[in-house]
Amino acid sequence: MRQNRIARVVFLSSIGAEKRHGAGFVDGLARIEQRPGAAREETGTALLHLRCGYFMTNVLTDLEGLRAGWLITVRPLDDPMPWVDPRDIATVATLRLVAGDWTGRPVQAVPGPAALTWTEAAAALSTATGCRSKRSRLPTRSSAPPCAMRAWER
């Protein structure tokens, strides 16, 4: 921003970063948001923060587990959270950059089409694959017990 005199920047962040503390690993994004914010103050660059939901594609990081029918999370199974497709985030970012009708430091939520629990996400996977779902919990190994669902069975 400083060296290249960039007029507009879209910064990908997360829902919860606005809390600044108490949101777990999202607290790190809150701290990172401050860096371009300081450069924006010096340069006048328009800086848009996109506060996004949980990427739907994150479930693909454990393809082996998914193939075995497991959907693993450390979050409570029945705690709803917004799920978003990264392609929707890209569309929002692109349209905002091309529009060029904004200045300052706006924040835009990109929560996605629905807030789902992990139970509902497992059911959606079951529907998509045509297999029935079953839920269970993995044994704990730490103070933050991982939860798992038997997402589908053949």
N, C-alpha and C. Protein backbone atom coordinates (compact mmCIF):
# COMPACT_ATOMS: atom_id res chain seq x y z
N MET A 1 0.83 -1.18 0.00
CA MET A 1 0.00 0.00 0.00
C MET A 1 0.87 1.25 0.00
N ARG A 2 1.91 1.22 0.82
CA ARG A 2 2.77 2.40 0.89
C ARG A 2 3.63 2.54 -0.36
N GLN A 3 4.31 1.47 -0.74
CA GLN A 3 5.25 1.55 -1.87
C GLN A 3 4.57 1.70 -3.21
N ASN A 4 3.47 1.01 -3.41
CA ASN A 4 2.84 0.96 -4.73
C ASN A 4 1.63 1.87 -4.88
N ARG A 5 1.29 2.60 -3.84
CA ARG A 5 0.16 3.52 -3.88
C ARG A 5 -1.12 2.84 -4.36
N ILE A 6 -1.43 1.73 -3.76
CA ILE A 6 -2.61 0.96 -4.11
C ILE A 6 -3.85 1.72 -3.62
N ALA A 7 -4.81 1.91 -4.51
CA ALA A 7 -5.99 2.72 -4.19
C ALA A 7 -7.00 1.99 -3.31
N ARG A 8 -7.19 0.68 -3.56
CA ARG A 8 -8.18 -0.10 -2.81
C ARG A 8 -7.60 -1.45 -2.44
N VAL A 9 -7.89 -1.88 -1.22
CA VAL A 9 -7.45 -3.19 -0.73
C VAL A 9 -8.65 -3.89 -0.09
N VAL A 10 -8.81 -5.16 -0.42
CA VAL A 10 -9.81 -6.00 0.24
C VAL A 10 -9.05 -6.98 1.12
N PHE A 11 -9.35 -6.97 2.40
CA PHE A 11 -8.68 -7.81 3.37
C PHE A 11 -9.64 -8.90 3.83
N LEU A 12 -9.26 -10.14 3.63
CA LEU A 12 -10.08 -11.27 4.02
C LEU A 12 -9.87 -11.57 5.49
N SER A 13 -10.95 -11.51 6.25
CA SER A 13 -10.89 -11.76 7.68
C SER A 13 -11.96 -12.77 8.05
N SER A 14 -12.43 -12.72 9.26
CA SER A 14 -13.41 -13.70 9.73
C SER A 14 -14.43 -13.04 10.64
N ILE A 15 -15.64 -13.60 10.60
CA ILE A 15 -16.63 -13.20 11.59
C ILE A 15 -16.02 -13.49 12.96
N GLY A 16 -16.13 -12.56 13.86
CA GLY A 16 -15.55 -12.71 15.20
C GLY A 16 -14.31 -11.85 15.40
N ALA A 17 -13.66 -11.43 14.31
CA ALA A 17 -12.46 -10.61 14.44
C ALA A 17 -12.77 -9.25 15.07
N GLU A 18 -14.01 -8.80 14.92
CA GLU A 18 -14.40 -7.52 15.50
C GLU A 18 -14.39 -7.54 17.02
N LYS A 19 -14.42 -8.74 17.62
CA LYS A 19 -14.39 -8.87 19.08
C LYS A 19 -13.02 -8.52 19.64
N ARG A 20 -11.98 -8.76 18.85
CA ARG A 20 -10.58 -8.49 19.20
C ARG A 20 -10.00 -9.44 20.24
N HIS A 21 -10.81 -9.98 21.15
CA HIS A 21 -10.33 -10.92 22.17
C HIS A 21 -11.44 -11.92 22.48
N GLY A 22 -11.05 -13.14 22.80
CA GLY A 22 -12.01 -14.14 23.23
C GLY A 22 -12.63 -14.96 22.11
N ALA A 23 -12.10 -14.85 20.89
CA ALA A 23 -12.64 -15.62 19.76
C ALA A 23 -11.66 -16.70 19.31
N GLY A 24 -10.77 -17.12 20.19
CA GLY A 24 -9.82 -18.18 19.85
C GLY A 24 -8.83 -17.75 18.79
N PHE A 25 -8.60 -18.63 17.81
CA PHE A 25 -7.60 -18.34 16.78
C PHE A 25 -7.98 -17.12 15.94
N VAL A 26 -9.24 -16.74 15.94
CA VAL A 26 -9.69 -15.56 15.18
C VAL A 26 -9.08 -14.29 15.79
N ASP A 27 -8.70 -14.33 17.06
CA ASP A 27 -8.03 -13.18 17.68
C ASP A 27 -6.78 -12.80 16.90
N GLY A 28 -6.11 -13.78 16.31
CA GLY A 28 -4.93 -13.51 15.49
C GLY A 28 -5.28 -12.68 14.27
N LEU A 29 -6.41 -12.95 13.65
CA LEU A 29 -6.85 -12.14 12.51
C LEU A 29 -7.13 -10.71 12.94
N ALA A 30 -7.69 -10.55 14.13
CA ALA A 30 -7.96 -9.21 14.63
C ALA A 30 -6.66 -8.41 14.74
N ARG A 31 -5.60 -9.06 15.22
CA ARG A 31 -4.30 -8.37 15.33
C ARG A 31 -3.73 -8.07 13.95
N ILE A 32 -3.88 -9.01 13.02
CA ILE A 32 -3.36 -8.81 11.66
C ILE A 32 -4.10 -7.67 10.97
N GLU A 33 -5.39 -7.53 11.24
CA GLU A 33 -6.17 -6.44 10.64
C GLU A 33 -5.59 -5.08 10.95
N GLN A 34 -4.92 -4.95 12.06
CA GLN A 34 -4.38 -3.66 12.47
C GLN A 34 -3.21 -3.21 11.60
N ARG A 35 -2.46 -4.14 11.01
CA ARG A 35 -1.31 -3.76 10.18
C ARG A 35 -1.70 -2.97 8.94
N PRO A 36 -2.59 -3.51 8.08
CA PRO A 36 -2.98 -2.69 6.93
C PRO A 36 -3.75 -1.45 7.35
N GLY A 37 -4.40 -1.51 8.52
CA GLY A 37 -5.11 -0.34 9.02
C GLY A 37 -4.16 0.81 9.28
N ALA A 38 -2.98 0.51 9.83
CA ALA A 38 -1.98 1.57 10.08
C ALA A 38 -1.47 2.13 8.76
N ALA A 39 -1.22 1.29 7.78
CA ALA A 39 -0.77 1.76 6.47
C ALA A 39 -1.86 2.58 5.79
N ARG A 40 -3.11 2.19 5.98
CA ARG A 40 -4.22 2.94 5.41
C ARG A 40 -4.27 4.36 5.98
N GLU A 41 -4.01 4.48 7.25
CA GLU A 41 -4.01 5.81 7.88
C GLU A 41 -2.96 6.71 7.24
N GLU A 42 -1.81 6.14 6.89
CA GLU A 42 -0.73 6.92 6.27
C GLU A 42 -0.99 7.26 4.81
N THR A 43 -1.63 6.34 4.08
CA THR A 43 -1.75 6.48 2.63
C THR A 43 -3.11 6.93 2.15
N GLY A 44 -4.14 6.75 2.96
CA GLY A 44 -5.49 7.06 2.51
C GLY A 44 -6.11 5.98 1.65
N THR A 45 -5.44 4.84 1.54
CA THR A 45 -5.96 3.72 0.77
C THR A 45 -7.32 3.30 1.32
N ALA A 46 -8.25 3.00 0.43
CA ALA A 46 -9.54 2.45 0.85
C ALA A 46 -9.31 0.99 1.23
N LEU A 47 -9.72 0.61 2.43
CA LEU A 47 -9.44 -0.73 2.97
C LEU A 47 -10.74 -1.37 3.41
N LEU A 48 -11.17 -2.39 2.69
CA LEU A 48 -12.40 -3.11 3.01
C LEU A 48 -12.06 -4.41 3.73
N HIS A 49 -12.66 -4.62 4.88
CA HIS A 49 -12.50 -5.87 5.62
C HIS A 49 -13.71 -6.74 5.34
N LEU A 50 -13.48 -7.93 4.79
CA LEU A 50 -14.56 -8.91 4.60
C LEU A 50 -14.53 -9.86 5.78
N ARG A 51 -15.60 -9.88 6.54
CA ARG A 51 -15.72 -10.76 7.69
C ARG A 51 -16.55 -11.97 7.26
N CYS A 52 -15.85 -13.06 7.02
CA CYS A 52 -16.46 -14.24 6.40
C CYS A 52 -16.80 -15.32 7.41
N GLY A 53 -17.76 -16.16 7.02
CA GLY A 53 -18.12 -17.33 7.80
C GLY A 53 -17.12 -18.45 7.58
N TYR A 54 -17.46 -19.62 8.09
CA TYR A 54 -16.63 -20.82 7.98
C TYR A 54 -16.65 -21.31 6.54
N PHE A 55 -15.49 -21.50 5.97
CA PHE A 55 -15.41 -21.95 4.58
C PHE A 55 -15.96 -23.37 4.46
N MET A 56 -16.95 -23.54 3.60
CA MET A 56 -17.51 -24.87 3.37
C MET A 56 -16.43 -25.86 2.94
N THR A 57 -15.46 -25.38 2.20
CA THR A 57 -14.41 -26.25 1.67
C THR A 57 -13.43 -26.73 2.75
N ASN A 58 -13.50 -26.17 3.96
CA ASN A 58 -12.62 -26.65 5.03
C ASN A 58 -12.83 -28.13 5.32
N VAL A 59 -14.03 -28.63 5.08
CA VAL A 59 -14.27 -30.06 5.35
C VAL A 59 -13.44 -30.93 4.42
N LEU A 60 -12.95 -30.38 3.32
CA LEU A 60 -12.16 -31.16 2.37
C LEU A 60 -10.71 -31.36 2.81
N THR A 61 -10.32 -30.72 3.92
CA THR A 61 -8.94 -30.90 4.40
C THR A 61 -8.70 -32.30 4.97
N ASP A 62 -9.78 -33.02 5.23
CA ASP A 62 -9.65 -34.39 5.72
C ASP A 62 -10.43 -35.33 4.81
N LEU A 63 -9.99 -35.44 3.57
CA LEU A 63 -10.69 -36.31 2.61
C LEU A 63 -10.71 -37.76 3.06
N GLU A 64 -9.61 -38.20 3.66
CA GLU A 64 -9.56 -39.59 4.13
C GLU A 64 -10.64 -39.84 5.18
N GLY A 65 -10.76 -38.90 6.11
CA GLY A 65 -11.80 -39.01 7.14
C GLY A 65 -13.20 -38.96 6.54
N LEU A 66 -13.40 -38.07 5.58
CA LEU A 66 -14.70 -37.98 4.92
C LEU A 66 -15.04 -39.27 4.20
N ARG A 67 -14.05 -39.83 3.51
CA ARG A 67 -14.28 -41.10 2.82
C ARG A 67 -14.65 -42.22 3.80
N ALA A 68 -14.10 -42.14 5.01
CA ALA A 68 -14.42 -43.13 6.04
C ALA A 68 -15.72 -42.80 6.77
N GLY A 69 -16.32 -41.64 6.45
CA GLY A 69 -17.58 -41.27 7.06
C GLY A 69 -17.48 -40.38 8.27
N TRP A 70 -16.33 -39.76 8.50
CA TRP A 70 -16.14 -38.91 9.67
C TRP A 70 -16.07 -37.44 9.28
N LEU A 71 -16.81 -36.64 10.01
CA LEU A 71 -16.72 -35.18 9.91
C LEU A 71 -16.24 -34.71 11.28
N ILE A 72 -15.01 -34.22 11.36
CA ILE A 72 -14.37 -33.95 12.64
C ILE A 72 -14.32 -32.45 12.91
N THR A 73 -14.60 -32.09 14.16
CA THR A 73 -14.56 -30.70 14.58
C THR A 73 -14.21 -30.62 16.06
N VAL A 74 -13.71 -29.47 16.47
CA VAL A 74 -13.49 -29.22 17.90
C VAL A 74 -14.63 -28.36 18.46
N ARG A 75 -15.54 -27.96 17.59
CA ARG A 75 -16.67 -27.14 18.00
C ARG A 75 -17.81 -28.01 18.51
N PRO A 76 -18.68 -27.45 19.32
CA PRO A 76 -19.88 -28.20 19.75
C PRO A 76 -20.70 -28.61 18.53
N LEU A 77 -21.21 -29.82 18.53
CA LEU A 77 -21.89 -30.36 17.36
C LEU A 77 -23.19 -29.62 17.02
N ASP A 78 -23.86 -29.06 18.01
CA ASP A 78 -25.14 -28.40 17.76
C ASP A 78 -25.06 -26.89 17.92
N ASP A 79 -23.88 -26.33 17.74
CA ASP A 79 -23.67 -24.88 17.80
C ASP A 79 -23.68 -24.33 16.37
N PRO A 80 -24.72 -23.58 15.98
CA PRO A 80 -24.77 -23.10 14.59
C PRO A 80 -23.71 -22.05 14.31
N MET A 81 -23.22 -22.07 13.08
CA MET A 81 -22.27 -21.06 12.64
C MET A 81 -22.48 -20.83 11.14
N PRO A 82 -22.16 -19.64 10.65
CA PRO A 82 -22.36 -19.38 9.22
C PRO A 82 -21.33 -20.12 8.37
N TRP A 83 -21.80 -20.76 7.30
CA TRP A 83 -20.96 -21.49 6.36
C TRP A 83 -21.00 -20.75 5.04
N VAL A 84 -19.84 -20.55 4.42
CA VAL A 84 -19.78 -19.79 3.16
C VAL A 84 -18.89 -20.51 2.15
N ASP A 85 -19.26 -20.41 0.90
CA ASP A 85 -18.46 -20.95 -0.20
C ASP A 85 -17.40 -19.90 -0.55
N PRO A 86 -16.13 -20.27 -0.59
CA PRO A 86 -15.08 -19.29 -0.94
C PRO A 86 -15.31 -18.59 -2.28
N ARG A 87 -16.01 -19.24 -3.19
CA ARG A 87 -16.32 -18.60 -4.48
C ARG A 87 -17.23 -17.40 -4.27
N ASP A 88 -18.12 -17.48 -3.28
CA ASP A 88 -18.99 -16.34 -2.98
C ASP A 88 -18.17 -15.18 -2.42
N ILE A 89 -17.16 -15.50 -1.62
CA ILE A 89 -16.27 -14.46 -1.09
C ILE A 89 -15.52 -13.79 -2.23
N ALA A 90 -15.01 -14.59 -3.16
CA ALA A 90 -14.29 -14.05 -4.32
C ALA A 90 -15.18 -13.13 -5.14
N THR A 91 -16.44 -13.51 -5.30
CA THR A 91 -17.38 -12.67 -6.05
C THR A 91 -17.59 -11.34 -5.35
N VAL A 92 -17.80 -11.37 -4.04
CA VAL A 92 -18.00 -10.13 -3.29
C VAL A 92 -16.75 -9.25 -3.39
N ALA A 93 -15.57 -9.83 -3.19
CA ALA A 93 -14.32 -9.05 -3.26
C ALA A 93 -14.14 -8.43 -4.64
N THR A 94 -14.38 -9.21 -5.67
CA THR A 94 -14.21 -8.71 -7.04
C THR A 94 -15.18 -7.57 -7.34
N LEU A 95 -16.44 -7.77 -7.00
CA LEU A 95 -17.44 -6.73 -7.27
C LEU A 95 -17.14 -5.45 -6.52
N ARG A 96 -16.67 -5.57 -5.29
CA ARG A 96 -16.34 -4.37 -4.51
C ARG A 96 -15.12 -3.65 -5.09
N LEU A 97 -14.10 -4.41 -5.50
CA LEU A 97 -12.91 -3.79 -6.10
C LEU A 97 -13.25 -3.09 -7.41
N VAL A 98 -14.05 -3.73 -8.25
CA VAL A 98 -14.40 -3.16 -9.55
C VAL A 98 -15.31 -1.96 -9.39
N ALA A 99 -16.22 -1.99 -8.42
CA ALA A 99 -17.17 -0.89 -8.23
C ALA A 99 -16.44 0.42 -7.93
N GLY A 100 -15.47 0.37 -7.07
CA GLY A 100 -14.69 1.57 -6.76
C GLY A 100 -15.49 2.70 -6.15
N ASP A 101 -16.68 2.44 -5.64
CA ASP A 101 -17.52 3.50 -5.09
C ASP A 101 -17.44 3.58 -3.57
N TRP A 102 -16.32 3.17 -3.01
CA TRP A 102 -16.18 3.19 -1.56
C TRP A 102 -14.81 3.75 -1.17
N THR A 103 -14.78 4.31 0.01
CA THR A 103 -13.55 4.89 0.57
C THR A 103 -13.50 4.52 2.05
N GLY A 104 -12.44 4.94 2.69
CA GLY A 104 -12.34 4.73 4.13
C GLY A 104 -12.00 3.30 4.49
N ARG A 105 -12.67 2.83 5.54
CA ARG A 105 -12.38 1.50 6.09
C ARG A 105 -13.68 0.75 6.40
N PRO A 106 -14.47 0.43 5.37
CA PRO A 106 -15.72 -0.28 5.62
C PRO A 106 -15.48 -1.74 5.98
N VAL A 107 -16.48 -2.33 6.60
CA VAL A 107 -16.48 -3.75 6.95
C VAL A 107 -17.73 -4.35 6.33
N GLN A 108 -17.58 -5.50 5.70
CA GLN A 108 -18.72 -6.19 5.11
C GLN A 108 -18.74 -7.63 5.55
N ALA A 109 -19.87 -8.07 6.06
CA ALA A 109 -20.03 -9.47 6.43
C ALA A 109 -20.30 -10.29 5.18
N VAL A 110 -19.70 -11.47 5.12
CA VAL A 110 -19.97 -12.45 4.07
C VAL A 110 -20.22 -13.77 4.79
N PRO A 111 -21.43 -13.91 5.37
CA PRO A 111 -21.69 -15.08 6.20
C PRO A 111 -22.04 -16.34 5.42
N GLY A 112 -22.48 -16.21 4.19
CA GLY A 112 -22.92 -17.37 3.43
C GLY A 112 -24.42 -17.54 3.50
N PRO A 113 -24.94 -18.57 2.85
CA PRO A 113 -26.39 -18.73 2.74
C PRO A 113 -27.08 -19.24 3.99
N ALA A 114 -26.35 -19.88 4.90
CA ALA A 114 -27.01 -20.47 6.07
C ALA A 114 -26.04 -20.64 7.23
N ALA A 115 -26.61 -20.57 8.42
CA ALA A 115 -25.87 -20.96 9.63
C ALA A 115 -26.26 -22.41 9.91
N LEU A 116 -25.27 -23.29 9.93
CA LEU A 116 -25.51 -24.71 10.13
C LEU A 116 -24.79 -25.21 11.37
N THR A 117 -25.39 -26.18 12.02
CA THR A 117 -24.67 -26.91 13.07
C THR A 117 -23.86 -27.98 12.35
N TRP A 118 -22.94 -28.60 13.06
CA TRP A 118 -22.17 -29.70 12.46
C TRP A 118 -23.09 -30.89 12.18
N THR A 119 -24.13 -31.04 12.98
CA THR A 119 -25.11 -32.10 12.73
C THR A 119 -25.81 -31.84 11.39
N GLU A 120 -26.19 -30.59 11.15
CA GLU A 120 -26.85 -30.25 9.88
C GLU A 120 -25.89 -30.37 8.70
N ALA A 121 -24.63 -30.00 8.91
CA ALA A 121 -23.63 -30.14 7.85
C ALA A 121 -23.44 -31.61 7.49
N ALA A 122 -23.41 -32.48 8.51
CA ALA A 122 -23.28 -33.92 8.25
C ALA A 122 -24.50 -34.42 7.48
N ALA A 123 -25.68 -33.93 7.83
CA ALA A 123 -26.89 -34.33 7.12
C ALA A 123 -26.83 -33.88 5.66
N ALA A 124 -26.32 -32.66 5.42
CA ALA A 124 -26.18 -32.17 4.05
C ALA A 124 -25.21 -33.03 3.26
N LEU A 125 -24.11 -33.42 3.88
CA LEU A 125 -23.17 -34.32 3.22
C LEU A 125 -23.81 -35.67 2.94
N SER A 126 -24.61 -36.14 3.87
CA SER A 126 -25.31 -37.41 3.66
C SER A 126 -26.25 -37.32 2.47
N THR A 127 -26.98 -36.21 2.39
CA THR A 127 -27.89 -36.01 1.26
C THR A 127 -27.12 -35.96 -0.05
N ALA A 128 -26.00 -35.25 -0.04
CA ALA A 128 -25.19 -35.10 -1.26
C ALA A 128 -24.59 -36.42 -1.72
N THR A 129 -24.24 -37.28 -0.76
CA THR A 129 -23.61 -38.55 -1.12
C THR A 129 -24.59 -39.70 -1.21
N GLY A 130 -25.83 -39.50 -0.73
CA GLY A 130 -26.82 -40.56 -0.75
C GLY A 130 -26.63 -41.58 0.34
N CYS A 131 -25.84 -41.28 1.34
CA CYS A 131 -25.59 -42.21 2.45
C CYS A 131 -26.20 -41.65 3.73
N ARG A 132 -26.64 -42.51 4.64
CA ARG A 132 -27.25 -42.02 5.88
C ARG A 132 -26.18 -41.57 6.87
N SER A 133 -26.55 -40.67 7.76
CA SER A 133 -25.58 -40.13 8.71
C SER A 133 -25.84 -40.65 10.12
N LYS A 134 -24.81 -40.67 10.89
CA LYS A 134 -24.85 -41.09 12.29
C LYS A 134 -23.84 -40.23 13.02
N ARG A 135 -24.09 -39.89 14.25
CA ARG A 135 -23.19 -38.99 14.96
C ARG A 135 -22.62 -39.68 16.18
N SER A 136 -21.32 -39.40 16.47
CA SER A 136 -20.68 -39.93 17.68
C SER A 136 -19.57 -38.98 18.09
N ARG A 137 -19.01 -39.23 19.26
CA ARG A 137 -17.95 -38.37 19.80
C ARG A 137 -16.67 -39.18 19.94
N LEU A 138 -15.54 -38.56 19.55
CA LEU A 138 -14.24 -39.21 19.70
C LEU A 138 -13.78 -39.12 21.15
N PRO A 139 -12.94 -40.05 21.60
CA PRO A 139 -12.37 -39.92 22.95
C PRO A 139 -11.56 -38.64 23.07
N THR A 140 -11.54 -38.04 24.26
CA THR A 140 -10.80 -36.79 24.45
C THR A 140 -9.34 -37.06 24.74
N ARG A 141 -8.50 -36.14 24.26
CA ARG A 141 -7.06 -36.22 24.54
C ARG A 141 -6.54 -34.92 25.10
N SER A 142 -7.38 -33.89 25.13
CA SER A 142 -6.93 -32.59 25.63
C SER A 142 -8.10 -31.91 26.32
N SER A 143 -7.89 -30.70 26.77
CA SER A 143 -8.96 -29.96 27.44
C SER A 143 -10.02 -29.50 26.45
N ALA A 144 -9.70 -29.43 25.17
CA ALA A 144 -10.67 -29.09 24.13
C ALA A 144 -10.96 -30.35 23.34
N PRO A 145 -11.90 -31.17 23.81
CA PRO A 145 -12.11 -32.47 23.18
C PRO A 145 -12.59 -32.34 21.73
N PRO A 146 -11.96 -33.08 20.82
CA PRO A 146 -12.47 -33.07 19.45
C PRO A 146 -13.77 -33.85 19.38
N CYS A 147 -14.67 -33.37 18.57
CA CYS A 147 -15.94 -34.05 18.36
C CYS A 147 -15.92 -34.62 16.96
N ALA A 148 -16.63 -35.67 16.76
CA ALA A 148 -16.72 -36.24 15.42
C ALA A 148 -18.12 -36.74 15.19
N MET A 149 -18.48 -36.78 13.96
CA MET A 149 -19.76 -37.36 13.58
C MET A 149 -19.50 -38.45 12.58
N ARG A 150 -20.23 -39.47 12.72
CA ARG A 150 -20.23 -40.49 11.67
C ARG A 150 -21.13 -39.89 10.59
N ALA A 151 -20.52 -39.26 9.59
CA ALA A 151 -21.26 -38.47 8.63
C ALA A 151 -22.10 -39.32 7.70
N TRP A 152 -21.60 -40.46 7.30
CA TRP A 152 -22.36 -41.33 6.42
C TRP A 152 -21.77 -42.73 6.45
N GLU A 153 -22.61 -43.66 6.10
CA GLU A 153 -22.18 -45.06 6.03
C GLU A 153 -22.63 -45.64 4.69
N ARG A 154 -21.93 -46.57 4.20
CA ARG A 154 -22.35 -47.25 2.96
C ARG A 154 -23.22 -48.43 3.32
